[in-house]
Amino acid sequence: MAAGQRDLTQGPIGSTLLLFGLPTLGSNILQSLNGSINTIWVGRFLGEQAVAATANANLIMFLMFSIVFGFGMASTVLIAQATGARDIDAARRAFGSAVGFCFLFALLVATAGWIGAPALLRLLATPAEAFDLALAYLRVIFISMPATLLSVMMTMGVRGTGDARTPFYFMLLNVGLDLILNPVLILGLGPAPAWGIAGSAAATAFAGFISFAALVAYTYSRDLPLRLRGAEWSYLRPAMAQLRILVVKGLPMGLQMIVASASGLVMIGLVNREGLLATAAYGAAQQLWSYLQMPSMAIGGAVSAMAAQNLGAGRWDRISKITAYGLVYLVGFTGLMVALMLWFHHPLLALFLGDKSAAIPLAWRMQVIASWSFILFGGAMIYFGIMRANGVVVRPLIIMIVALFGARLGFYAVAYPYMGADALWWSYPAGSLTALLLAGYSYYRGDWRSAKLMVPPSEEECMENVNSEAEATGRIAPVG
């Protein structure tokens, strides 16, 4: 077994899940810190207009990453199930199909994005003073799209084999390069050109490409399970049966992120109605809340990959314990972070608002009311991760829509006449509790267990699909 790779179907569940999930949590924290520091570089060197430009461009990129994240999670489950079943060829077929599809998708996005970037920014009503900066930044980001998305797909695939350490090390390389290159390419330090805001995007692109190339080289030098050789390169041409699974299972998972983002945009609009002070306080609170969500994302992903490997191995006897340990770790990590944020609320909020800001008391009230709700929502993510491991993806999407739009916004609409702005902050616990109850009910009801495993079809099955499609085409349009 390769260094860093874990057999998630054997040994003690608690320690295995913890050691598998911690590197993913570290990767998430690194990504968030990298984004925050890059924004600081841009704001300090180029000003508020440049920050506004990156914000508009990043919103577009988030939508692209949401879709690819869904495909990546689908491929992770496929790879994990095949790894658990000790079918390395099936894992490589799933990985090859995912990478081949992602590459074609990324090329399409890069080309369409370069051409359509001005129209996209106008659609977002980007401020005129930030338009040119946003356009320069966005076009560089689109150029880097193939390498960036392939890197995301590859790291998620490697995690599916039980190796979370390797992606963490290369994320560390990526973030380190990005932090160094940002000021160099923004200001033109040394022999480097001064590219301004385009330099920030170029730094991200160069860092992503270098770390991706290094990950590929490492994969082959260490002969990691997902490396492709010889006839296996044909796996990069997606088979229709596998492509159908990636799209049908991946889109709902990507839509979950888009639903969460859309709900957040609606909340920002409602907060803006309460005035500048509320908006500033909410912005600072959101910065801290983004870190509270990391344990649920990391542990939820680890639980999903671990459960998928065990399902592939037929180890249903371990699933309940995986769920239980996932919930315990989620409550422990998120609860500790909530406690620390509330205890050190003033210095943390002052980082974003200033030490004497009048918005700090309001931001503190938001924290007290809403922060603990991320424990509840994280519990729902654990249940979603387990069900996702067996191919159940539409139900979590429906629960997300009901919780974030029905319960959260519904609570706000009913309670606002009586509670005022506090209805906004209490809507977070209302939505999170709804998500947890519905997810828990769906999990313990148990019908998700009867879903069909998403194990990739064999080469023979793929050939049968190709032949049947060819026969159907021949009947419609015969030749010869």
Foldseek 3Di string as FASTA:
>chain_A
DFPQFDQLQDDDNQVLLVVLLVLLLLLLVLVLVLVVVLLVLQCVPPNDLLSLLVVLLVVVVLLVVLLLVLLLLLLLLQLLLCLLLVNLLLNLLSLLQSLLVQLVVLVVQLVCCLVCVLVSCVVVVRPPSNSVSNNLLNNLLSVLRNLQSSLVSVQSSLVLSRRSPLNSVLSVQLSVQLSVQSVCQCCVPDPHHNPNSNSNSVSNSVSSNVSSVVSLVVCVVRVPSNDADDPSNVSNNHQPQSVVSSNVRRRLSSVLSVLVVVLVVVLLVVQVVVDDLSNLLVVLLVSLLSSLLSLLVSSLSSLLSSLSSNVSNVNPVCNVVSLVSSLVVLCVVSVVSLVVCLVPVQVSSCVRQNNPHPSSVVSSVLSVQASVLSSLLSNLSNLQSNLVSQRPRNQLSVQSCCLSPVFLVVQLVVCCVPPPPVSNSNSNNRSSNSSNVSSVCVNVVPPSVVRHHPHDDDPVVSVVVVVVVVVVVCVVPNDD
